[in-house]
PDB file of N, CA and C in Angstrom:
ATOM      1  N   MET A   1     -51.643 -18.693-166.755  1.00  0.00           N
ATOM      2  CA  MET A   1     -50.599 -18.716-165.795  1.00  0.00           C
ATOM      3  C   MET A   1     -49.303 -18.828-166.484  1.00  0.00           C
ATOM      4  N   GLU A   2     -48.360 -18.271-165.896  1.00  0.00           N
ATOM      5  CA  GLU A   2     -46.826 -18.455-166.388  1.00  0.00           C
ATOM      6  C   GLU A   2     -46.064 -18.959-165.207  1.00  0.00           C
ATOM      7  N   ILE A   3     -45.158 -19.783-165.423  1.00  0.00           N
ATOM      8  CA  ILE A   3     -44.170 -20.252-164.345  1.00  0.00           C
ATOM      9  C   ILE A   3     -42.820 -20.176-164.878  1.00  0.00           C
ATOM     10  N   TRP A   4     -41.968 -19.322-164.073  1.00  0.00           N
ATOM     11  CA  TRP A   4     -40.642 -19.306-164.224  1.00  0.00           C
ATOM     12  C   TRP A   4     -39.929 -20.435-163.564  1.00  0.00           C
ATOM     13  N   ILE A   5     -39.196 -21.236-164.428  1.00  0.00           N
ATOM     14  CA  ILE A   5     -38.482 -22.558-163.787  1.00  0.00           C
ATOM     15  C   ILE A   5     -37.032 -22.501-164.297  1.00  0.00           C
ATOM     16  N   ASN A   6     -36.426 -23.343-163.401  1.00  0.00           N
ATOM     17  CA  ASN A   6     -35.079 -23.893-163.750  1.00  0.00           C
ATOM     18  C   ASN A   6     -35.291 -25.441-163.727  1.00  0.00           C
ATOM     19  N   PRO A   7     -35.276 -26.047-164.966  1.00  0.00           N
ATOM     20  CA  PRO A   7     -35.539 -27.545-165.066  1.00  0.00           C
ATOM     21  C   PRO A   7     -34.703 -28.410-164.020  1.00  0.00           C
ATOM     22  N   ALA A   8     -33.468 -27.900-163.675  1.00  0.00           N
ATOM     23  CA  ALA A   8     -32.752 -28.598-162.673  1.00  0.00           C
ATOM     24  C   ALA A   8     -33.249 -28.500-161.251  1.00  0.00           C
ATOM     25  N   CYS A   9     -34.172 -27.590-161.063  1.00  0.00           N
ATOM     26  CA  CYS A   9     -34.678 -27.399-159.666  1.00  0.00           C
ATOM     27  C   CYS A   9     -35.788 -28.460-159.339  1.00  0.00           C
ATOM     28  N   SER A  10     -35.687 -29.096-158.181  1.00  0.00           N
ATOM     29  CA  SER A  10     -36.691 -30.035-157.752  1.00  0.00           C
ATOM     30  C   SER A  10     -37.948 -29.351-157.391  1.00  0.00           C
ATOM     31  N   LYS A  11     -37.884 -28.146-156.758  1.00  0.00           N
ATOM     32  CA  LYS A  11     -39.173 -27.513-156.416  1.00  0.00           C
ATOM     33  C   LYS A  11     -39.956 -27.012-157.805  1.00  0.00           C
ATOM     34  N   CYS A  12     -39.255 -26.729-158.719  1.00  0.00           N
ATOM     35  CA  CYS A  12     -39.869 -26.327-160.058  1.00  0.00           C
ATOM     36  C   CYS A  12     -40.434 -27.665-160.648  1.00  0.00           C
ATOM     37  N   ARG A  13     -39.864 -28.742-160.545  1.00  0.00           N
ATOM     38  CA  ARG A  13     -40.381 -29.904-161.143  1.00  0.00           C
ATOM     39  C   ARG A  13     -41.602 -30.433-160.449  1.00  0.00           C
ATOM     40  N   SER A  14     -41.577 -30.281-159.122  1.00  0.00           N
ATOM     41  CA  SER A  14     -42.734 -30.696-158.196  1.00  0.00           C
ATOM     42  C   SER A  14     -43.943 -29.681-158.565  1.00  0.00           C
ATOM     43  N   ALA A  15     -43.595 -28.439-158.847  1.00  0.00           N
ATOM     44  CA  ALA A  15     -44.739 -27.572-159.110  1.00  0.00           C
ATOM     45  C   ALA A  15     -45.409 -27.874-160.386  1.00  0.00           C
ATOM     46  N   LEU A  16     -44.485 -28.222-161.405  1.00  0.00           N
ATOM     47  CA  LEU A  16     -44.974 -28.698-162.841  1.00  0.00           C
ATOM     48  C   LEU A  16     -45.829 -29.936-162.629  1.00  0.00           C
ATOM     49  N   THR A  17     -45.385 -30.926-161.940  1.00  0.00           N
ATOM     50  CA  THR A  17     -46.043 -32.149-161.672  1.00  0.00           C
ATOM     51  C   THR A  17     -47.492 -31.939-161.052  1.00  0.00           C
ATOM     52  N   LEU A  18     -47.666 -30.991-160.185  1.00  0.00           N
ATOM     53  CA  LEU A  18     -48.918 -30.641-159.579  1.00  0.00           C
ATOM     54  C   LEU A  18     -49.700 -29.943-160.556  1.00  0.00           C
ATOM     55  N   LEU A  19     -49.153 -29.069-161.207  1.00  0.00           N
ATOM     56  CA  LEU A  19     -50.080 -28.205-162.244  1.00  0.00           C
ATOM     57  C   LEU A  19     -50.534 -29.316-163.170  1.00  0.00           C
ATOM     58  N   ASP A  20     -49.777 -30.219-163.666  1.00  0.00           N
ATOM     59  CA  ASP A  20     -50.162 -31.158-164.692  1.00  0.00           C
ATOM     60  C   ASP A  20     -51.217 -32.117-164.069  1.00  0.00           C
ATOM     61  N   ALA A  21     -50.997 -32.464-162.912  1.00  0.00           N
ATOM     62  CA  ALA A  21     -51.954 -33.482-162.242  1.00  0.00           C
ATOM     63  C   ALA A  21     -53.302 -32.744-162.063  1.00  0.00           C
ATOM     64  N   GLU A  22     -53.328 -31.450-161.898  1.00  0.00           N
ATOM     65  CA  GLU A  22     -54.591 -30.697-161.660  1.00  0.00           C
ATOM     66  C   GLU A  22     -55.151 -30.369-163.055  1.00  0.00           C
ATOM     67  N   GLY A  23     -54.412 -30.541-164.058  1.00  0.00           N
ATOM     68  CA  GLY A  23     -55.031 -30.048-165.440  1.00  0.00           C
ATOM     69  C   GLY A  23     -54.887 -28.660-165.680  1.00  0.00           C
ATOM     70  N   ALA A  24     -53.990 -27.920-164.914  1.00  0.00           N
ATOM     71  CA  ALA A  24     -53.957 -26.500-165.005  1.00  0.00           C
ATOM     72  C   ALA A  24     -53.288 -25.958-166.347  1.00  0.00           C
ATOM     73  N   GLY A  25     -53.771 -24.951-166.892  1.00  0.00           N
ATOM     74  CA  GLY A  25     -53.222 -24.387-168.100  1.00  0.00           C
ATOM     75  C   GLY A  25     -52.025 -23.453-167.652  1.00  0.00           C
ATOM     76  N   TYR A  26     -50.888 -23.571-168.320  1.00  0.00           N
ATOM     77  CA  TYR A  26     -49.821 -22.668-167.884  1.00  0.00           C
ATOM     78  C   TYR A  26     -48.793 -22.657-169.147  1.00  0.00           C
ATOM     79  N   THR A  27     -47.988 -21.704-169.060  1.00  0.00           N
ATOM     80  CA  THR A  27     -46.846 -21.455-170.029  1.00  0.00           C
ATOM     81  C   THR A  27     -45.636 -21.581-169.154  1.00  0.00           C
ATOM     82  N   VAL A  28     -44.626 -22.237-169.642  1.00  0.00           N
ATOM     83  CA  VAL A  28     -43.249 -22.386-168.954  1.00  0.00           C
ATOM     84  C   VAL A  28     -42.426 -21.364-169.497  1.00  0.00           C
ATOM     85  N   ARG A  29     -41.722 -20.751-168.576  1.00  0.00           N
ATOM     86  CA  ARG A  29     -40.564 -19.874-169.045  1.00  0.00           C
ATOM     87  C   ARG A  29     -39.272 -20.319-168.416  1.00  0.00           C
ATOM     88  N   HIS A  30     -38.380 -20.656-169.100  1.00  0.00           N
ATOM     89  CA  HIS A  30     -36.889 -21.110-168.765  1.00  0.00           C
ATOM     90  C   HIS A  30     -36.194 -19.856-168.481  1.00  0.00           C
ATOM     91  N   TYR A  31     -36.341 -19.260-167.181  1.00  0.00           N
ATOM     92  CA  TYR A  31     -35.851 -17.911-167.087  1.00  0.00           C
ATOM     93  C   TYR A  31     -34.356 -17.796-167.046  1.00  0.00           C
ATOM     94  N   LEU A  32     -33.541 -18.921-167.002  1.00  0.00           N
ATOM     95  CA  LEU A  32     -32.070 -18.780-167.137  1.00  0.00           C
ATOM     96  C   LEU A  32     -31.685 -18.581-168.619  1.00  0.00           C
ATOM     97  N   GLU A  33     -32.534 -19.002-169.549  1.00  0.00           N
ATOM     98  CA  GLU A  33     -32.305 -18.827-170.975  1.00  0.00           C
ATOM     99  C   GLU A  33     -33.064 -17.554-171.399  1.00  0.00           C
ATOM    100  N   ASP A  34     -34.237 -17.425-171.154  1.00  0.00           N
ATOM    101  CA  ASP A  34     -35.146 -16.307-171.406  1.00  0.00           C
ATOM    102  C   ASP A  34     -35.183 -15.315-170.132  1.00  0.00           C
ATOM    103  N   VAL A  35     -34.042 -14.739-170.043  1.00  0.00           N
ATOM    104  CA  VAL A  35     -33.909 -13.931-168.836  1.00  0.00           C
ATOM    105  C   VAL A  35     -34.823 -12.711-168.738  1.00  0.00           C
ATOM    106  N   PRO A  36     -35.451 -12.564-167.587  1.00  0.00           N
ATOM    107  CA  PRO A  36     -36.405 -11.403-167.453  1.00  0.00           C
ATOM    108  C   PRO A  36     -35.642 -10.053-167.463  1.00  0.00           C
ATOM    109  N   SER A  37     -36.095  -9.090-168.125  1.00  0.00           N
ATOM    110  CA  SER A  37     -35.611  -7.743-168.121  1.00  0.00           C
ATOM    111  C   SER A  37     -35.864  -7.093-166.616  1.00  0.00           C
ATOM    112  N   GLU A  38     -35.268  -6.020-166.421  1.00  0.00           N
ATOM    113  CA  GLU A  38     -35.466  -5.339-165.244  1.00  0.00           C
ATOM    114  C   GLU A  38     -36.890  -4.991-164.991  1.00  0.00           C
ATOM    115  N   ASP A  39     -37.561  -4.503-166.208  1.00  0.00           N
ATOM    116  CA  ASP A  39     -38.926  -4.101-166.019  1.00  0.00           C
ATOM    117  C   ASP A  39     -39.893  -5.285-165.700  1.00  0.00           C
ATOM    118  N   GLU A  40     -39.489  -6.450-166.212  1.00  0.00           N
ATOM    119  CA  GLU A  40     -40.371  -7.659-166.124  1.00  0.00           C
ATOM    120  C   GLU A  40     -40.094  -8.004-164.521  1.00  0.00           C
ATOM    121  N   ILE A  41     -39.015  -7.941-163.912  1.00  0.00           N
ATOM    122  CA  ILE A  41     -38.749  -8.246-162.577  1.00  0.00           C
ATOM    123  C   ILE A  41     -39.527  -7.243-161.732  1.00  0.00           C
ATOM    124  N   ARG A  42     -39.496  -5.953-162.222  1.00  0.00           N
ATOM    125  CA  ARG A  42     -40.327  -4.859-161.328  1.00  0.00           C
ATOM    126  C   ARG A  42     -41.807  -5.265-161.274  1.00  0.00           C
ATOM    127  N   THR A  43     -42.267  -5.795-162.551  1.00  0.00           N
ATOM    128  CA  THR A  43     -43.682  -6.150-162.666  1.00  0.00           C
ATOM    129  C   THR A  43     -44.007  -7.321-161.806  1.00  0.00           C
ATOM    130  N   VAL A  44     -43.251  -8.421-161.751  1.00  0.00           N
ATOM    131  CA  VAL A  44     -43.388  -9.519-160.965  1.00  0.00           C
ATOM    132  C   VAL A  44     -43.276  -9.212-159.511  1.00  0.00           C
ATOM    133  N   LEU A  45     -42.431  -8.350-159.059  1.00  0.00           N
ATOM    134  CA  LEU A  45     -42.288  -7.897-157.677  1.00  0.00           C
ATOM    135  C   LEU A  45     -43.536  -7.244-157.197  1.00  0.00           C
ATOM    136  N   GLY A  46     -44.123  -6.455-158.095  1.00  0.00           N
ATOM    137  CA  GLY A  46     -45.422  -5.749-157.730  1.00  0.00           C
ATOM    138  C   GLY A  46     -46.471  -6.773-157.586  1.00  0.00           C
ATOM    139  N   ARG A  47     -46.468  -7.763-158.538  1.00  0.00           N
ATOM    140  CA  ARG A  47     -47.590  -8.886-158.370  1.00  0.00           C
ATOM    141  C   ARG A  47     -47.356  -9.715-157.051  1.00  0.00           C
ATOM    142  N   LEU A  48     -46.026  -9.868-156.795  1.00  0.00           N
ATOM    143  CA  LEU A  48     -45.725 -10.683-155.587  1.00  0.00           C
ATOM    144  C   LEU A  48     -46.037  -9.931-154.290  1.00  0.00           C
ATOM    145  N   GLY A  49     -45.960  -8.569-154.428  1.00  0.00           N
ATOM    146  CA  GLY A  49     -45.993  -7.695-153.152  1.00  0.00           C
ATOM    147  C   GLY A  49     -44.656  -7.863-152.449  1.00  0.00           C
ATOM    148  N   LEU A  50     -43.529  -8.098-153.119  1.00  0.00           N
ATOM    149  CA  LEU A  50     -42.394  -8.268-152.355  1.00  0.00           C
ATOM    150  C   LEU A  50     -41.217  -7.337-152.877  1.00  0.00           C
ATOM    151  N   GLU A  51     -40.152  -7.189-152.242  1.00  0.00           N
ATOM    152  CA  GLU A  51     -38.978  -6.428-152.620  1.00  0.00           C
ATOM    153  C   GLU A  51     -37.939  -7.403-153.258  1.00  0.00           C
ATOM    154  N   PRO A  52     -36.987  -6.901-154.078  1.00  0.00           N
ATOM    155  CA  PRO A  52     -36.140  -7.836-154.793  1.00  0.00           C
ATOM    156  C   PRO A  52     -35.226  -8.587-153.855  1.00  0.00           C
ATOM    157  N   TRP A  53     -34.898  -8.101-152.725  1.00  0.00           N
ATOM    158  CA  TRP A  53     -34.045  -8.941-151.828  1.00  0.00           C
ATOM    159  C   TRP A  53     -34.955 -10.147-151.200  1.00  0.00           C
ATOM    160  N   ASP A  54     -36.240 -10.008-151.243  1.00  0.00           N
ATOM    161  CA  ASP A  54     -37.094 -11.047-150.804  1.00  0.00           C
ATOM    162  C   ASP A  54     -37.133 -12.300-151.768  1.00  0.00           C
ATOM    163  N   ILE A  55     -36.897 -12.105-152.924  1.00  0.00           N
ATOM    164  CA  ILE A  55     -36.811 -13.134-153.955  1.00  0.00           C
ATOM    165  C   ILE A  55     -35.280 -13.547-154.529  1.00  0.00           C
ATOM    166  N   THR A  56     -34.409 -13.084-153.668  1.00  0.00           N
ATOM    167  CA  THR A  56     -32.972 -13.290-154.203  1.00  0.00           C
ATOM    168  C   THR A  56     -32.436 -14.563-153.375  1.00  0.00           C
ATOM    169  N   ARG A  57     -31.877 -15.411-154.037  1.00  0.00           N
ATOM    170  CA  ARG A  57     -31.098 -16.629-153.561  1.00  0.00           C
ATOM    171  C   ARG A  57     -29.837 -16.249-153.053  1.00  0.00           C
ATOM    172  N   THR A  58     -29.725 -15.817-151.771  1.00  0.00           N
ATOM    173  CA  THR A  58     -28.408 -15.175-151.297  1.00  0.00           C
ATOM    174  C   THR A  58     -27.367 -16.181-151.063  1.00  0.00           C
ATOM    175  N   GLN A  59     -27.613 -17.410-151.045  1.00  0.00           N
ATOM    176  CA  GLN A  59     -26.591 -18.538-150.942  1.00  0.00           C
ATOM    177  C   GLN A  59     -25.888 -18.965-152.273  1.00  0.00           C
ATOM    178  N   GLU A  60     -26.468 -18.399-153.360  1.00  0.00           N
ATOM    179  CA  GLU A  60     -25.750 -18.684-154.609  1.00  0.00           C
ATOM    180  C   GLU A  60     -24.386 -18.217-154.673  1.00  0.00           C
ATOM    181  N   ALA A  61     -23.549 -18.796-155.571  1.00  0.00           N
ATOM    182  CA  ALA A  61     -22.141 -18.231-155.763  1.00  0.00           C
ATOM    183  C   ALA A  61     -22.125 -16.800-156.176  1.00  0.00           C
ATOM    184  N   ASP A  62     -23.070 -16.589-157.182  1.00  0.00           N
ATOM    185  CA  ASP A  62     -23.142 -15.197-157.713  1.00  0.00           C
ATOM    186  C   ASP A  62     -23.411 -14.100-156.616  1.00  0.00           C
ATOM    187  N   ALA A  63     -24.250 -14.569-155.649  1.00  0.00           N
ATOM    188  CA  ALA A  63     -24.549 -13.587-154.575  1.00  0.00           C
ATOM    189  C   ALA A  63     -23.386 -13.354-153.708  1.00  0.00           C
ATOM    190  N   LYS A  64     -22.539 -14.371-153.481  1.00  0.00           N
ATOM    191  CA  LYS A  64     -21.457 -14.266-152.670  1.00  0.00           C
ATOM    192  C   LYS A  64     -20.380 -13.367-153.415  1.00  0.00           C
ATOM    193  N   GLU A  65     -20.183 -13.647-154.641  1.00  0.00           N
ATOM    194  CA  GLU A  65     -19.198 -12.688-155.548  1.00  0.00           C
ATOM    195  C   GLU A  65     -19.630 -11.379-155.452  1.00  0.00           C
ATOM    196  N   LEU A  66     -20.932 -11.055-155.531  1.00  0.00           N
ATOM    197  CA  LEU A  66     -21.365  -9.685-155.565  1.00  0.00           C
ATOM    198  C   LEU A  66     -21.463  -9.015-154.191  1.00  0.00           C
ATOM    199  N   GLY A  67     -21.309  -9.914-153.300  1.00  0.00           N
ATOM    200  CA  GLY A  67     -21.377  -9.412-151.812  1.00  0.00           C
ATOM    201  C   GLY A  67     -22.733  -8.904-151.399  1.00  0.00           C
ATOM    202  N   LEU A  68     -23.843  -9.607-151.907  1.00  0.00           N
ATOM    203  CA  LEU A  68     -25.190  -9.159-151.601  1.00  0.00           C
ATOM    204  C   LEU A  68     -25.629  -9.037-150.225  1.00  0.00           C
ATOM    205  N   LYS A  69     -24.990  -9.906-149.420  1.00  0.00           N
ATOM    206  CA  LYS A  69     -25.457  -9.871-147.965  1.00  0.00           C
ATOM    207  C   LYS A  69     -25.128  -8.541-147.275  1.00  0.00           C
ATOM    208  N   ASP A  70     -24.199  -7.775-147.865  1.00  0.00           N
ATOM    209  CA  ASP A  70     -23.842  -6.426-147.294  1.00  0.00           C
ATOM    210  C   ASP A  70     -24.536  -5.325-147.965  1.00  0.00           C
ATOM    211  N   TRP A  71     -25.369  -5.614-149.139  1.00  0.00           N
ATOM    212  CA  TRP A  71     -26.045  -4.562-149.739  1.00  0.00           C
ATOM    213  C   TRP A  71     -27.259  -4.068-148.928  1.00  0.00           C
ATOM    214  N   PRO A  72     -27.376  -2.682-148.934  1.00  0.00           N
ATOM    215  CA  PRO A  72     -28.645  -2.202-148.173  1.00  0.00           C
ATOM    216  C   PRO A  72     -29.808  -2.719-148.670  1.00  0.00           C
ATOM    217  N   ARG A  73     -30.923  -2.895-147.938  1.00  0.00           N
ATOM    218  CA  ARG A  73     -32.216  -3.371-148.278  1.00  0.00           C
ATOM    219  C   ARG A  73     -33.129  -2.161-148.085  1.00  0.00           C
ATOM    220  N   ASP A  74     -33.106  -1.250-148.994  1.00  0.00           N
ATOM    221  CA  ASP A  74     -33.904  -0.147-148.864  1.00  0.00           C
ATOM    222  C   ASP A  74     -34.300   0.467-150.286  1.00  0.00           C
ATOM    223  N   GLU A  75     -35.135   1.473-150.229  1.00  0.00           N
ATOM    224  CA  GLU A  75     -35.737   2.019-151.683  1.00  0.00           C
ATOM    225  C   GLU A  75     -34.472   2.574-152.494  1.00  0.00           C
ATOM    226  N   GLU A  76     -33.533   3.087-151.784  1.00  0.00           N
ATOM    227  CA  GLU A  76     -32.400   3.545-152.715  1.00  0.00           C
ATOM    228  C   GLU A  76     -31.570   2.484-153.349  1.00  0.00           C
ATOM    229  N   ALA A  77     -31.536   1.283-152.731  1.00  0.00           N
ATOM    230  CA  ALA A  77     -30.761   0.155-153.340  1.00  0.00           C
ATOM    231  C   ALA A  77     -31.697  -0.748-154.206  1.00  0.00           C
ATOM    232  N   ARG A  78     -32.888  -0.439-154.260  1.00  0.00           N
ATOM    233  CA  ARG A  78     -33.906  -1.329-154.960  1.00  0.00           C
ATOM    234  C   ARG A  78     -33.520  -1.559-156.435  1.00  0.00           C
ATOM    235  N   ASP A  79     -33.134  -0.533-157.157  1.00  0.00           N
ATOM    236  CA  ASP A  79     -32.827  -0.708-158.581  1.00  0.00           C
ATOM    237  C   ASP A  79     -31.504  -1.524-158.786  1.00  0.00           C
ATOM    238  N   ARG A  80     -30.608  -1.365-157.844  1.00  0.00           N
ATOM    239  CA  ARG A  80     -29.332  -2.096-157.917  1.00  0.00           C
ATOM    240  C   ARG A  80     -29.562  -3.588-157.693  1.00  0.00           C
ATOM    241  N   TRP A  81     -30.546  -3.970-156.775  1.00  0.00           N
ATOM    242  CA  TRP A  81     -30.844  -5.382-156.561  1.00  0.00           C
ATOM    243  C   TRP A  81     -31.626  -5.958-157.878  1.00  0.00           C
ATOM    244  N   ILE A  82     -32.489  -5.138-158.417  1.00  0.00           N
ATOM    245  CA  ILE A  82     -33.291  -5.517-159.554  1.00  0.00           C
ATOM    246  C   ILE A  82     -32.296  -5.785-160.834  1.00  0.00           C
ATOM    247  N   ALA A  83     -31.299  -4.831-160.977  1.00  0.00           N
ATOM    248  CA  ALA A  83     -30.355  -5.023-161.962  1.00  0.00           C
ATOM    249  C   ALA A  83     -29.538  -6.236-161.733  1.00  0.00           C
ATOM    250  N   ALA A  84     -29.160  -6.649-160.551  1.00  0.00           N
ATOM    251  CA  ALA A  84     -28.384  -7.867-160.157  1.00  0.00           C
ATOM    252  C   ALA A  84     -29.203  -9.036-160.635  1.00  0.00           C
ATOM    253  N   LEU A  85     -30.530  -9.046-160.279  1.00  0.00           N
ATOM    254  CA  LEU A  85     -31.435 -10.197-160.638  1.00  0.00           C
ATOM    255  C   LEU A  85     -31.514 -10.403-162.156  1.00  0.00           C
ATOM    256  N   SER A  86     -31.524  -9.356-162.881  1.00  0.00           N
ATOM    257  CA  SER A  86     -31.630  -9.466-164.353  1.00  0.00           C
ATOM    258  C   SER A  86     -30.230  -9.973-164.909  1.00  0.00           C
ATOM    259  N   ALA A  87     -29.188  -9.390-164.366  1.00  0.00           N
ATOM    260  CA  ALA A  87     -27.801  -9.754-164.845  1.00  0.00           C
ATOM    261  C   ALA A  87     -27.410 -11.068-164.407  1.00  0.00           C
ATOM    262  N   HIS A  88     -28.017 -11.628-163.340  1.00  0.00           N
ATOM    263  CA  HIS A  88     -27.522 -12.902-162.751  1.00  0.00           C
ATOM    264  C   HIS A  88     -28.899 -13.710-162.431  1.00  0.00           C
ATOM    265  N   PRO A  89     -29.526 -14.254-163.354  1.00  0.00           N
ATOM    266  CA  PRO A  89     -30.890 -14.800-163.062  1.00  0.00           C
ATOM    267  C   PRO A  89     -30.880 -16.015-162.156  1.00  0.00           C
ATOM    268  N   ARG A  90     -29.629 -16.550-161.960  1.00  0.00           N
ATOM    269  CA  ARG A  90     -29.657 -17.738-161.020  1.00  0.00           C
ATOM    270  C   ARG A  90     -30.024 -17.339-159.505  1.00  0.00           C
ATOM    271  N   LEU A  91     -30.087 -15.996-159.418  1.00  0.00           N
ATOM    272  CA  LEU A  91     -30.240 -15.370-158.128  1.00  0.00           C
ATOM    273  C   LEU A  91     -31.681 -15.293-157.796  1.00  0.00           C
ATOM    274  N   ILE A  92     -32.551 -15.477-158.809  1.00  0.00           N
ATOM    275  CA  ILE A  92     -33.995 -15.356-158.688  1.00  0.00           C
ATOM    276  C   ILE A  92     -34.559 -16.632-158.074  1.00  0.00           C
ATOM    277  N   GLN A  93     -35.375 -16.431-156.923  1.00  0.00           N
ATOM    278  CA  GLN A  93     -36.006 -17.578-156.255  1.00  0.00           C
ATOM    279  C   GLN A  93     -36.984 -18.176-157.269  1.00  0.00           C
ATOM    280  N   ARG A  94     -37.085 -19.403-157.218  1.00  0.00           N
ATOM    281  CA  ARG A  94     -38.012 -20.186-158.204  1.00  0.00           C
ATOM    282  C   ARG A  94     -38.746 -21.271-157.458  1.00  0.00           C
ATOM    283  N   PRO A  95     -39.907 -21.754-158.044  1.00  0.00           N
ATOM    284  CA  PRO A  95     -40.461 -21.126-159.250  1.00  0.00           C
ATOM    285  C   PRO A  95     -41.329 -19.972-158.968  1.00  0.00           C
ATOM    286  N   ILE A  96     -41.492 -19.107-159.783  1.00  0.00           N
ATOM    287  CA  ILE A  96     -42.499 -17.934-159.663  1.00  0.00           C
ATOM    288  C   ILE A  96     -43.582 -18.239-160.619  1.00  0.00           C
ATOM    289  N   ILE A  97     -44.822 -18.220-160.023  1.00  0.00           N
ATOM    290  CA  ILE A  97     -46.051 -18.461-160.881  1.00  0.00           C
ATOM    291  C   ILE A  97     -46.944 -17.084-160.941  1.00  0.00           C
ATOM    292  N   THR A  98     -47.029 -16.625-162.024  1.00  0.00           N
ATOM    293  CA  THR A  98     -47.964 -15.416-162.177  1.00  0.00           C
ATOM    294  C   THR A  98     -49.357 -15.966-162.509  1.00  0.00           C
ATOM    295  N   ALA A  99     -50.310 -15.518-161.711  1.00  0.00           N
ATOM    296  CA  ALA A  99     -51.722 -16.058-161.877  1.00  0.00           C
ATOM    297  C   ALA A  99     -52.459 -15.182-162.746  1.00  0.00           C
ATOM    298  N   ASP A 100     -53.521 -15.603-163.275  1.00  0.00           N
ATOM    299  CA  ASP A 100     -54.414 -14.889-164.124  1.00  0.00           C
ATOM    300  C   ASP A 100     -55.043 -13.628-163.601  1.00  0.00           C
ATOM    301  N   ASP A 101     -55.128 -13.619-162.260  1.00  0.00           N
ATOM    302  CA  ASP A 101     -55.822 -12.397-161.605  1.00  0.00           C
ATOM    303  C   ASP A 101     -54.794 -11.303-161.506  1.00  0.00           C
ATOM    304  N   GLY A 102     -53.551 -11.431-161.899  1.00  0.00           N
ATOM    305  CA  GLY A 102     -52.618 -10.297-161.787  1.00  0.00           C
ATOM    306  C   GLY A 102     -51.750 -10.415-160.611  1.00  0.00           C
ATOM    307  N   SER A 103     -51.971 -11.473-159.778  1.00  0.00           N
ATOM    308  CA  SER A 103     -51.014 -11.708-158.626  1.00  0.00           C
ATOM    309  C   SER A 103     -50.010 -12.729-159.143  1.00  0.00           C
ATOM    310  N   ALA A 104     -49.078 -12.963-158.081  1.00  0.00           N
ATOM    311  CA  ALA A 104     -48.126 -14.002-158.284  1.00  0.00           C
ATOM    312  C   ALA A 104     -47.630 -14.743-156.931  1.00  0.00           C
ATOM    313  N   VAL A 105     -47.108 -15.802-157.061  1.00  0.00           N
ATOM    314  CA  VAL A 105     -46.554 -16.530-155.904  1.00  0.00           C
ATOM    315  C   VAL A 105     -45.181 -17.134-156.201  1.00  0.00           C
ATOM    316  N   VAL A 106     -44.420 -17.237-155.092  1.00  0.00           N
ATOM    317  CA  VAL A 106     -43.231 -18.093-155.204  1.00  0.00           C
ATOM    318  C   VAL A 106     -43.698 -19.444-154.797  1.00  0.00           C
ATOM    319  N   GLY A 107     -43.727 -20.352-155.925  1.00  0.00           N
ATOM    320  CA  GLY A 107     -44.316 -21.737-155.645  1.00  0.00           C
ATOM    321  C   GLY A 107     -43.384 -22.793-155.119  1.00  0.00           C
ATOM    322  N   ARG A 108     -42.858 -22.589-154.027  1.00  0.00           N
ATOM    323  CA  ARG A 108     -41.916 -23.497-153.336  1.00  0.00           C
ATOM    324  C   ARG A 108     -42.702 -24.488-152.615  1.00  0.00           C
ATOM    325  N   THR A 109     -43.909 -24.418-152.342  1.00  0.00           N
ATOM    326  CA  THR A 109     -44.708 -25.367-151.588  1.00  0.00           C
ATOM    327  C   THR A 109     -45.836 -25.674-152.479  1.00  0.00           C
ATOM    328  N   GLU A 110     -46.493 -26.953-152.048  1.00  0.00           N
ATOM    329  CA  GLU A 110     -47.606 -27.334-152.774  1.00  0.00           C
ATOM    330  C   GLU A 110     -48.898 -26.314-152.470  1.00  0.00           C
ATOM    331  N   GLU A 111     -48.825 -25.821-151.194  1.00  0.00           N
ATOM    332  CA  GLU A 111     -49.963 -24.849-150.932  1.00  0.00           C
ATOM    333  C   GLU A 111     -49.842 -23.525-151.760  1.00  0.00           C
ATOM    334  N   ALA A 112     -48.527 -23.020-151.961  1.00  0.00           N
ATOM    335  CA  ALA A 112     -48.402 -21.857-152.865  1.00  0.00           C
ATOM    336  C   ALA A 112     -48.753 -22.121-154.284  1.00  0.00           C
ATOM    337  N   VAL A 113     -48.516 -23.322-154.767  1.00  0.00           N
ATOM    338  CA  VAL A 113     -48.874 -23.771-156.183  1.00  0.00           C
ATOM    339  C   VAL A 113     -50.374 -23.808-156.216  1.00  0.00           C
ATOM    340  N   ARG A 114     -50.981 -24.412-155.185  1.00  0.00           N
ATOM    341  CA  ARG A 114     -52.509 -24.459-155.307  1.00  0.00           C
ATOM    342  C   ARG A 114     -53.167 -23.129-155.157  1.00  0.00           C
ATOM    343  N   GLU A 115     -52.471 -22.262-154.415  1.00  0.00           N
ATOM    344  CA  GLU A 115     -52.917 -20.814-154.300  1.00  0.00           C
ATOM    345  C   GLU A 115     -53.054 -20.184-155.828  1.00  0.00           C
ATOM    346  N   ALA A 116     -51.900 -20.368-156.471  1.00  0.00           N
ATOM    347  CA  ALA A 116     -51.877 -19.743-157.777  1.00  0.00           C
ATOM    348  C   ALA A 116     -52.942 -20.401-158.608  1.00  0.00           C
ATOM    349  N   MET A 117     -53.152 -21.626-158.615  1.00  0.00           N
ATOM    350  CA  MET A 117     -54.137 -22.390-159.424  1.00  0.00           C
ATOM    351  C   MET A 117     -55.567 -21.670-158.974  1.00  0.00           C
ATOM    352  N   ALA A 118     -55.801 -21.604-157.719  1.00  0.00           N
ATOM    353  CA  ALA A 118     -57.079 -21.014-157.280  1.00  0.00           C
ATOM    354  C   ALA A 118     -57.365 -19.707-157.847  1.00  0.00           C
ATOM    355  N   ARG A 119     -56.299 -18.892-157.902  1.00  0.00           N
ATOM    356  CA  ARG A 119     -56.470 -17.470-158.389  1.00  0.00           C
ATOM    357  C   ARG A 119     -56.652 -17.513-159.872  1.00  0.00           C
ATOM    358  N   ALA A 120     -56.166 -18.528-160.562  1.00  0.00           N
ATOM    359  CA  ALA A 120     -56.350 -18.709-162.061  1.00  0.00           C
ATOM    360  C   ALA A 120     -57.799 -18.980-162.311  1.00  0.00           C
ATOM    361  N   ASP A 121     -58.389 -19.773-161.455  1.00  0.00           N
ATOM    362  CA  ASP A 121     -59.753 -20.195-161.600  1.00  0.00           C
ATOM    363  C   ASP A 121     -60.772 -19.146-161.243  1.00  0.00           C
ATOM    364  N   GLY A 122     -60.210 -18.217-160.420  1.00  0.00           N
ATOM    365  CA  GLY A 122     -61.143 -17.180-159.801  1.00  0.00           C
ATOM    366  C   GLY A 122     -61.592 -16.268-160.858  1.00  0.00           C
TER     367      GLY A 122
END
């Protein structure tokens, strides 16, 4: 498993605490420093089964500056959203956990983190 985190995020710290408590094996990616490429974001979106606007933190200052709330949410705009996430990684919802079975979850709840661990064991 890999978990994309921002160390300043309480949900990320909670997810790490739970993973450690359960003895789960994982790799940490500090995605604000090791910024995902557009292709990596596309891959994670495919694993999540979500669209880029589904994992965008629209209340962030960067989102407001870009005017994201007014961007279309359709196939034609998809690459524009992905480019924005790669250029402004603070916009990416966190933590994202990629499970060993090829899936991924946004681990903002204990249940989601446990789901990722179950997929890793499967």
